Amino acid sequence: MPTVAGSIDLVVHVATDHRGRRTVREIVAVPGRVEGHVVALEPVFVQRSGRLVRTEGFPPHADRYEAAGIDVRRLLDVPEESAA
């Protein structure tokens, strides 16, 4: 399990709504911690009142995104000093 937790950065949970449409329910970060047989998750976006809203969670391994030319802090509108 630690290998899986260390190789996945984000998980997107999708569900089918009452009309049969798929909607994103939440996006969680996988920081890589495993406690017993439970992989730790940190919410980045959650659905509230039918809308996906940002939480304080932050994807791990920002360096991986930066190497691909993606500025995660800017995309998530997180001040530099607040990011994990």
PDB file of N, CA and C in Angstrom:
ATOM      1  N   MET A   1       0.796  -1.208   0.000  1.00  0.00           N
ATOM      2  CA  MET A   1       0.000   0.000   0.000  1.00  0.00           C
ATOM      3  C   MET A   1       0.839   1.273   0.000  1.00  0.00           C
ATOM      4  N   PRO A   2       1.979   1.327   0.660  1.00  0.00           N
ATOM      5  CA  PRO A   2       2.794   2.543   0.605  1.00  0.00           C
ATOM      6  C   PRO A   2       3.238   2.889  -0.818  1.00  0.00           C
ATOM      7  N   THR A   3       3.467   1.867  -1.643  1.00  0.00           N
ATOM      8  CA  THR A   3       3.871   2.128  -3.026  1.00  0.00           C
ATOM      9  C   THR A   3       2.760   2.842  -3.783  1.00  0.00           C
ATOM     10  N   VAL A   4       1.531   2.399  -3.610  1.00  0.00           N
ATOM     11  CA  VAL A   4       0.392   3.042  -4.272  1.00  0.00           C
ATOM     12  C   VAL A   4       0.238   4.464  -3.746  1.00  0.00           C
ATOM     13  N   ALA A   5       0.287   4.637  -2.432  1.00  0.00           N
ATOM     14  CA  ALA A   5       0.120   5.969  -1.834  1.00  0.00           C
ATOM     15  C   ALA A   5       1.219   6.918  -2.283  1.00  0.00           C
ATOM     16  N   GLY A   6       2.397   6.406  -2.547  1.00  0.00           N
ATOM     17  CA  GLY A   6       3.499   7.252  -2.980  1.00  0.00           C
ATOM     18  C   GLY A   6       3.511   7.557  -4.466  1.00  0.00           C
ATOM     19  N   SER A   7       2.684   6.868  -5.241  1.00  0.00           N
ATOM     20  CA  SER A   7       2.709   7.082  -6.687  1.00  0.00           C
ATOM     21  C   SER A   7       1.466   7.773  -7.232  1.00  0.00           C
ATOM     22  N   ILE A   8       0.479   8.029  -6.377  1.00  0.00           N
ATOM     23  CA  ILE A   8      -0.739   8.728  -6.795  1.00  0.00           C
ATOM     24  C   ILE A   8      -0.793  10.065  -6.075  1.00  0.00           C
ATOM     25  N   ASP A   9      -0.991  11.147  -6.815  1.00  0.00           N
ATOM     26  CA  ASP A   9      -1.050  12.478  -6.209  1.00  0.00           C
ATOM     27  C   ASP A   9      -2.478  12.924  -5.929  1.00  0.00           C
ATOM     28  N   LEU A  10      -3.375  12.678  -6.863  1.00  0.00           N
ATOM     29  CA  LEU A  10      -4.765  13.126  -6.736  1.00  0.00           C
ATOM     30  C   LEU A  10      -5.726  12.014  -7.122  1.00  0.00           C
ATOM     31  N   VAL A  11      -6.901  12.020  -6.475  1.00  0.00           N
ATOM     32  CA  VAL A  11      -7.975  11.097  -6.837  1.00  0.00           C
ATOM     33  C   VAL A  11      -9.223  11.938  -7.073  1.00  0.00           C
ATOM     34  N   VAL A  12      -9.891  11.690  -8.184  1.00  0.00           N
ATOM     35  CA  VAL A  12     -11.127  12.388  -8.511  1.00  0.00           C
ATOM     36  C   VAL A  12     -12.274  11.410  -8.311  1.00  0.00           C
ATOM     37  N   HIS A  13     -13.162  11.727  -7.368  1.00  0.00           N
ATOM     38  CA  HIS A  13     -14.334  10.892  -7.115  1.00  0.00           C
ATOM     39  C   HIS A  13     -15.483  11.401  -7.974  1.00  0.00           C
ATOM     40  N   VAL A  14     -16.028  10.508  -8.785  1.00  0.00           N
ATOM     41  CA  VAL A  14     -17.118  10.848  -9.699  1.00  0.00           C
ATOM     42  C   VAL A  14     -18.335  10.004  -9.333  1.00  0.00           C
ATOM     43  N   ALA A  15     -19.510  10.604  -9.390  1.00  0.00           N
ATOM     44  CA  ALA A  15     -20.752   9.886  -9.112  1.00  0.00           C
ATOM     45  C   ALA A  15     -21.771  10.213 -10.196  1.00  0.00           C
ATOM     46  N   THR A  16     -22.769   9.377 -10.301  1.00  0.00           N
ATOM     47  CA  THR A  16     -23.853   9.607 -11.244  1.00  0.00           C
ATOM     48  C   THR A  16     -24.997  10.294 -10.506  1.00  0.00           C
ATOM     49  N   ASP A  17     -25.461  11.428 -11.053  1.00  0.00           N
ATOM     50  CA  ASP A  17     -26.549  12.146 -10.385  1.00  0.00           C
ATOM     51  C   ASP A  17     -27.901  11.511 -10.734  1.00  0.00           C
ATOM     52  N   HIS A  18     -28.972  12.084 -10.225  1.00  0.00           N
ATOM     53  CA  HIS A  18     -30.307  11.516 -10.410  1.00  0.00           C
ATOM     54  C   HIS A  18     -30.774  11.508 -11.868  1.00  0.00           C
ATOM     55  N   ARG A  19     -30.106  12.281 -12.737  1.00  0.00           N
ATOM     56  CA  ARG A  19     -30.452  12.292 -14.163  1.00  0.00           C
ATOM     57  C   ARG A  19     -29.541  11.386 -14.994  1.00  0.00           C
ATOM     58  N   GLY A  20     -28.634  10.696 -14.293  1.00  0.00           N
ATOM     59  CA  GLY A  20     -27.723   9.806 -15.000  1.00  0.00           C
ATOM     60  C   GLY A  20     -26.453  10.474 -15.486  1.00  0.00           C
ATOM     61  N   ARG A  21     -26.244  11.731 -15.113  1.00  0.00           N
ATOM     62  CA  ARG A  21     -25.032  12.446 -15.520  1.00  0.00           C
ATOM     63  C   ARG A  21     -23.931  12.228 -14.495  1.00  0.00           C
ATOM     64  N   ARG A  22     -22.721  12.111 -14.960  1.00  0.00           N
ATOM     65  CA  ARG A  22     -21.581  11.983 -14.061  1.00  0.00           C
ATOM     66  C   ARG A  22     -21.166  13.360 -13.586  1.00  0.00           C
ATOM     67  N   THR A  23     -20.924  13.469 -12.299  1.00  0.00           N
ATOM     68  CA  THR A  23     -20.459  14.725 -11.730  1.00  0.00           C
ATOM     69  C   THR A  23     -19.289  14.455 -10.790  1.00  0.00           C
ATOM     70  N   VAL A  24     -18.397  15.412 -10.699  1.00  0.00           N
ATOM     71  CA  VAL A  24     -17.266  15.297  -9.774  1.00  0.00           C
ATOM     72  C   VAL A  24     -17.784  15.582  -8.373  1.00  0.00           C
ATOM     73  N   ARG A  25     -17.606  14.641  -7.465  1.00  0.00           N
ATOM     74  CA  ARG A  25     -18.058  14.794  -6.078  1.00  0.00           C
ATOM     75  C   ARG A  25     -16.980  15.420  -5.206  1.00  0.00           C
ATOM     76  N   GLU A  26     -15.734  15.015  -5.431  1.00  0.00           N
ATOM     77  CA  GLU A  26     -14.626  15.595  -4.683  1.00  0.00           C
ATOM     78  C   GLU A  26     -13.314  15.250  -5.360  1.00  0.00           C
ATOM     79  N   ILE A  27     -12.308  16.049  -5.054  1.00  0.00           N
ATOM     80  CA  ILE A  27     -10.943  15.790  -5.496  1.00  0.00           C
ATOM     81  C   ILE A  27     -10.100  15.784  -4.234  1.00  0.00           C
ATOM     82  N   VAL A  28      -9.379  14.684  -4.026  1.00  0.00           N
ATOM     83  CA  VAL A  28      -8.564  14.559  -2.821  1.00  0.00           C
ATOM     84  C   VAL A  28      -7.104  14.359  -3.188  1.00  0.00           C
ATOM     85  N   ALA A  29      -6.228  14.889  -2.337  1.00  0.00           N
ATOM     86  CA  ALA A  29      -4.791  14.689  -2.486  1.00  0.00           C
ATOM     87  C   ALA A  29      -4.405  13.430  -1.720  1.00  0.00           C
ATOM     88  N   VAL A  30      -3.387  12.745  -2.210  1.00  0.00           N
ATOM     89  CA  VAL A  30      -2.851  11.563  -1.541  1.00  0.00           C
ATOM     90  C   VAL A  30      -1.429  11.919  -1.114  1.00  0.00           C
ATOM     91  N   PRO A  31      -1.267  12.387   0.144  1.00  0.00           N
ATOM     92  CA  PRO A  31       0.047  12.857   0.583  1.00  0.00           C
ATOM     93  C   PRO A  31       1.097  11.769   0.736  1.00  0.00           C
ATOM     94  N   GLY A  32       0.707  10.497   0.666  1.00  0.00           N
ATOM     95  CA  GLY A  32       1.683   9.415   0.736  1.00  0.00           C
ATOM     96  C   GLY A  32       1.763   8.728   2.088  1.00  0.00           C
ATOM     97  N   ARG A  33       1.004   9.212   3.065  1.00  0.00           N
ATOM     98  CA  ARG A  33       1.022   8.589   4.391  1.00  0.00           C
ATOM     99  C   ARG A  33       0.088   7.384   4.419  1.00  0.00           C
ATOM    100  N   VAL A  34       0.551   6.332   5.070  1.00  0.00           N
ATOM    101  CA  VAL A  34      -0.265   5.139   5.277  1.00  0.00           C
ATOM    102  C   VAL A  34      -0.229   4.831   6.766  1.00  0.00           C
ATOM    103  N   GLU A  35      -1.405   4.717   7.356  1.00  0.00           N
ATOM    104  CA  GLU A  35      -1.514   4.393   8.773  1.00  0.00           C
ATOM    105  C   GLU A  35      -2.230   3.058   8.880  1.00  0.00           C
ATOM    106  N   GLY A  36      -1.504   2.030   9.273  1.00  0.00           N
ATOM    107  CA  GLY A  36      -2.074   0.689   9.251  1.00  0.00           C
ATOM    108  C   GLY A  36      -2.297   0.291   7.810  1.00  0.00           C
ATOM    109  N   HIS A  37      -3.541   0.026   7.457  1.00  0.00           N
ATOM    110  CA  HIS A  37      -3.884  -0.292   6.068  1.00  0.00           C
ATOM    111  C   HIS A  37      -4.742   0.806   5.454  1.00  0.00           C
ATOM    112  N   VAL A  38      -4.654   2.013   6.013  1.00  0.00           N
ATOM    113  CA  VAL A  38      -5.471   3.129   5.543  1.00  0.00           C
ATOM    114  C   VAL A  38      -4.565   4.191   4.917  1.00  0.00           C
ATOM    115  N   VAL A  39      -4.850   4.542   3.676  1.00  0.00           N
ATOM    116  CA  VAL A  39      -4.105   5.590   2.979  1.00  0.00           C
ATOM    117  C   VAL A  39      -4.712   6.934   3.371  1.00  0.00           C
ATOM    118  N   ALA A  40      -3.881   7.856   3.845  1.00  0.00           N
ATOM    119  CA  ALA A  40      -4.357   9.190   4.234  1.00  0.00           C
ATOM    120  C   ALA A  40      -4.766   9.978   2.992  1.00  0.00           C
ATOM    121  N   LEU A  41      -5.863  10.712   3.102  1.00  0.00           N
ATOM    122  CA  LEU A  41      -6.357  11.568   2.021  1.00  0.00           C
ATOM    123  C   LEU A  41      -6.583  12.971   2.566  1.00  0.00           C
ATOM    124  N   GLU A  42      -6.429  13.963   1.705  1.00  0.00           N
ATOM    125  CA  GLU A  42      -6.654  15.353   2.096  1.00  0.00           C
ATOM    126  C   GLU A  42      -7.543  16.013   1.043  1.00  0.00           C
ATOM    127  N   PRO A  43      -8.762  16.429   1.413  1.00  0.00           N
ATOM    128  CA  PRO A  43      -9.657  17.044   0.427  1.00  0.00           C
ATOM    129  C   PRO A  43      -9.066  18.330  -0.161  1.00  0.00           C
ATOM    130  N   VAL A  44      -9.164  18.463  -1.475  1.00  0.00           N
ATOM    131  CA  VAL A  44      -8.741  19.682  -2.168  1.00  0.00           C
ATOM    132  C   VAL A  44      -9.988  20.428  -2.667  1.00  0.00           C
ATOM    133  N   PHE A  45     -10.957  19.681  -3.200  1.00  0.00           N
ATOM    134  CA  PHE A  45     -12.259  20.215  -3.604  1.00  0.00           C
ATOM    135  C   PHE A  45     -13.327  19.257  -3.096  1.00  0.00           C
ATOM    136  N   VAL A  46     -14.434  19.789  -2.597  1.00  0.00           N
ATOM    137  CA  VAL A  46     -15.571  18.972  -2.167  1.00  0.00           C
ATOM    138  C   VAL A  46     -16.847  19.577  -2.742  1.00  0.00           C
ATOM    139  N   GLN A  47     -17.867  18.753  -2.858  1.00  0.00           N
ATOM    140  CA  GLN A  47     -19.141  19.254  -3.367  1.00  0.00           C
ATOM    141  C   GLN A  47     -20.014  19.709  -2.199  1.00  0.00           C
ATOM    142  N   ARG A  48     -20.483  20.948  -2.296  1.00  0.00           N
ATOM    143  CA  ARG A  48     -21.398  21.517  -1.310  1.00  0.00           C
ATOM    144  C   ARG A  48     -22.528  22.214  -2.051  1.00  0.00           C
ATOM    145  N   SER A  49     -23.744  21.858  -1.706  1.00  0.00           N
ATOM    146  CA  SER A  49     -24.933  22.445  -2.348  1.00  0.00           C
ATOM    147  C   SER A  49     -24.854  22.352  -3.863  1.00  0.00           C
ATOM    148  N   GLY A  50     -24.348  21.212  -4.365  1.00  0.00           N
ATOM    149  CA  GLY A  50     -24.299  20.991  -5.802  1.00  0.00           C
ATOM    150  C   GLY A  50     -23.149  21.672  -6.513  1.00  0.00           C
ATOM    151  N   ARG A  51     -22.253  22.325  -5.769  1.00  0.00           N
ATOM    152  CA  ARG A  51     -21.102  23.013  -6.381  1.00  0.00           C
ATOM    153  C   ARG A  51     -19.805  22.451  -5.829  1.00  0.00           C
ATOM    154  N   LEU A  52     -18.786  22.401  -6.663  1.00  0.00           N
ATOM    155  CA  LEU A  52     -17.468  21.969  -6.233  1.00  0.00           C
ATOM    156  C   LEU A  52     -16.748  23.181  -5.654  1.00  0.00           C
ATOM    157  N   VAL A  53     -16.349  23.097  -4.382  1.00  0.00           N
ATOM    158  CA  VAL A  53     -15.697  24.233  -3.725  1.00  0.00           C
ATOM    159  C   VAL A  53     -14.322  23.826  -3.213  1.00  0.00           C
ATOM    160  N   ARG A  54     -13.445  24.786  -3.186  1.00  0.00           N
ATOM    161  CA  ARG A  54     -12.060  24.595  -2.760  1.00  0.00           C
ATOM    162  C   ARG A  54     -11.994  24.472  -1.240  1.00  0.00           C
ATOM    163  N   THR A  55     -11.151  23.549  -0.773  1.00  0.00           N
ATOM    164  CA  THR A  55     -10.852  23.438   0.652  1.00  0.00           C
ATOM    165  C   THR A  55      -9.430  23.943   0.859  1.00  0.00           C
ATOM    166  N   GLU A  56      -8.878  23.739   2.022  1.00  0.00           N
ATOM    167  CA  GLU A  56      -7.501  24.176   2.269  1.00  0.00           C
ATOM    168  C   GLU A  56      -6.461  23.128   1.882  1.00  0.00           C
ATOM    169  N   GLY A  57      -6.912  21.962   1.412  1.00  0.00           N
ATOM    170  CA  GLY A  57      -5.976  20.912   1.027  1.00  0.00           C
ATOM    171  C   GLY A  57      -5.115  21.333  -0.150  1.00  0.00           C
ATOM    172  N   PHE A  58      -3.973  20.668  -0.283  1.00  0.00           N
ATOM    173  CA  PHE A  58      -3.031  21.001  -1.352  1.00  0.00           C
ATOM    174  C   PHE A  58      -2.404  19.712  -1.879  1.00  0.00           C
ATOM    175  N   PRO A  59      -2.293  19.560  -3.197  1.00  0.00           N
ATOM    176  CA  PRO A  59      -1.674  18.350  -3.749  1.00  0.00           C
ATOM    177  C   PRO A  59      -0.218  18.215  -3.297  1.00  0.00           C
ATOM    178  N   PRO A  60       0.229  16.994  -3.019  1.00  0.00           N
ATOM    179  CA  PRO A  60       1.622  16.785  -2.653  1.00  0.00           C
ATOM    180  C   PRO A  60       2.521  16.867  -3.885  1.00  0.00           C
ATOM    181  N   HIS A  61       3.792  16.887  -3.654  1.00  0.00           N
ATOM    182  CA  HIS A  61       4.792  16.813  -4.722  1.00  0.00           C
ATOM    183  C   HIS A  61       4.672  17.960  -5.730  1.00  0.00           C
ATOM    184  N   ALA A  62       4.628  19.178  -5.234  1.00  0.00           N
ATOM    185  CA  ALA A  62       4.518  20.345  -6.126  1.00  0.00           C
ATOM    186  C   ALA A  62       5.636  20.351  -7.161  1.00  0.00           C
ATOM    187  N   ASP A  63       6.784  19.794  -6.815  1.00  0.00           N
ATOM    188  CA  ASP A  63       7.913  19.754  -7.742  1.00  0.00           C
ATOM    189  C   ASP A  63       7.589  18.955  -9.009  1.00  0.00           C
ATOM    190  N   ARG A  64       6.758  17.932  -8.890  1.00  0.00           N
ATOM    191  CA  ARG A  64       6.363  17.142 -10.070  1.00  0.00           C
ATOM    192  C   ARG A  64       5.538  17.985 -11.035  1.00  0.00           C
ATOM    193  N   TYR A  65       4.658  18.797 -10.488  1.00  0.00           N
ATOM    194  CA  TYR A  65       3.852  19.677 -11.321  1.00  0.00           C
ATOM    195  C   TYR A  65       4.717  20.762 -11.958  1.00  0.00           C
ATOM    196  N   GLU A  66       5.614  21.333 -11.144  1.00  0.00           N
ATOM    197  CA  GLU A  66       6.504  22.377 -11.655  1.00  0.00           C
ATOM    198  C   GLU A  66       7.360  21.855 -12.796  1.00  0.00           C
ATOM    199  N   ALA A  67       7.827  20.612 -12.684  1.00  0.00           N
ATOM    200  CA  ALA A  67       8.644  20.016 -13.747  1.00  0.00           C
ATOM    201  C   ALA A  67       7.857  19.899 -15.055  1.00  0.00           C
ATOM    202  N   ALA A  68       6.536  19.792 -14.938  1.00  0.00           N
ATOM    203  CA  ALA A  68       5.681  19.712 -16.127  1.00  0.00           C
ATOM    204  C   ALA A  68       5.191  21.089 -16.570  1.00  0.00           C
ATOM    205  N   GLY A  69       5.681  22.146 -15.905  1.00  0.00           N
ATOM    206  CA  GLY A  69       5.296  23.506 -16.276  1.00  0.00           C
ATOM    207  C   GLY A  69       3.969  23.954 -15.691  1.00  0.00           C
ATOM    208  N   ILE A  70       3.512  23.298 -14.627  1.00  0.00           N
ATOM    209  CA  ILE A  70       2.230  23.634 -14.007  1.00  0.00           C
ATOM    210  C   ILE A  70       2.476  24.304 -12.667  1.00  0.00           C
ATOM    211  N   ASP A  71       1.950  25.510 -12.505  1.00  0.00           N
ATOM    212  CA  ASP A  71       2.063  26.240 -11.250  1.00  0.00           C
ATOM    213  C   ASP A  71       0.796  25.981 -10.438  1.00  0.00           C
ATOM    214  N   VAL A  72       0.844  24.968  -9.577  1.00  0.00           N
ATOM    215  CA  VAL A  72      -0.324  24.550  -8.806  1.00  0.00           C
ATOM    216  C   VAL A  72      -0.788  25.664  -7.870  1.00  0.00           C
ATOM    217  N   ARG A  73       0.129  26.382  -7.268  1.00  0.00           N
ATOM    218  CA  ARG A  73      -0.249  27.466  -6.356  1.00  0.00           C
ATOM    219  C   ARG A  73      -1.079  28.525  -7.072  1.00  0.00           C
ATOM    220  N   ARG A  74      -0.679  28.872  -8.279  1.00  0.00           N
ATOM    221  CA  ARG A  74      -1.426  29.860  -9.057  1.00  0.00           C
ATOM    222  C   ARG A  74      -2.788  29.310  -9.461  1.00  0.00           C
ATOM    223  N   LEU A  75      -2.832  28.056  -9.919  1.00  0.00           N
ATOM    224  CA  LEU A  75      -4.095  27.450 -10.323  1.00  0.00           C
ATOM    225  C   LEU A  75      -5.099  27.390  -9.180  1.00  0.00           C
ATOM    226  N   LEU A  76      -4.606  27.110  -7.973  1.00  0.00           N
ATOM    227  CA  LEU A  76      -5.487  27.003  -6.810  1.00  0.00           C
ATOM    228  C   LEU A  76      -5.625  28.315  -6.058  1.00  0.00           C
ATOM    229  N   ASP A  77      -4.966  29.368  -6.553  1.00  0.00           N
ATOM    230  CA  ASP A  77      -5.024  30.691  -5.940  1.00  0.00           C
ATOM    231  C   ASP A  77      -4.587  30.640  -4.468  1.00  0.00           C
ATOM    232  N   VAL A  78      -3.425  30.008  -4.248  1.00  0.00           N
ATOM    233  CA  VAL A  78      -2.863  29.843  -2.908  1.00  0.00           C
ATOM    234  C   VAL A  78      -1.642  30.744  -2.781  1.00  0.00           C
ATOM    235  N   PRO A  79      -1.613  31.595  -1.751  1.00  0.00           N
ATOM    236  CA  PRO A  79      -0.402  32.397  -1.531  1.00  0.00           C
ATOM    237  C   PRO A  79       0.805  31.496  -1.312  1.00  0.00           C
ATOM    238  N   GLU A  80       1.940  31.887  -1.802  1.00  0.00           N
ATOM    239  CA  GLU A  80       3.169  31.096  -1.750  1.00  0.00           C
ATOM    240  C   GLU A  80       3.468  30.573  -0.345  1.00  0.00           C
ATOM    241  N   GLU A  81       3.332  31.393   0.683  1.00  0.00           N
ATOM    242  CA  GLU A  81       3.663  30.994   2.044  1.00  0.00           C
ATOM    243  C   GLU A  81       2.649  30.039   2.667  1.00  0.00           C
ATOM    244  N   SER A  82       1.452  29.893   2.062  1.00  0.00           N
ATOM    245  CA  SER A  82       0.407  29.031   2.624  1.00  0.00           C
ATOM    246  C   SER A  82       0.474  27.606   2.084  1.00  0.00           C
ATOM    247  N   ALA A  83       1.179  27.387   0.999  1.00  0.00           N
ATOM    248  CA  ALA A  83       1.191  26.075   0.364  1.00  0.00           C
ATOM    249  C   ALA A  83       2.002  25.078   1.185  1.00  0.00           C
ATOM    250  N   ALA A  84       1.575  23.824   1.126  1.00  0.00           N
ATOM    251  CA  ALA A  84       2.265  22.757   1.856  1.00  0.00           C
ATOM    252  C   ALA A  84       3.540  22.368   1.148  1.00  0.00           C
TER     253      ALA A  84
END
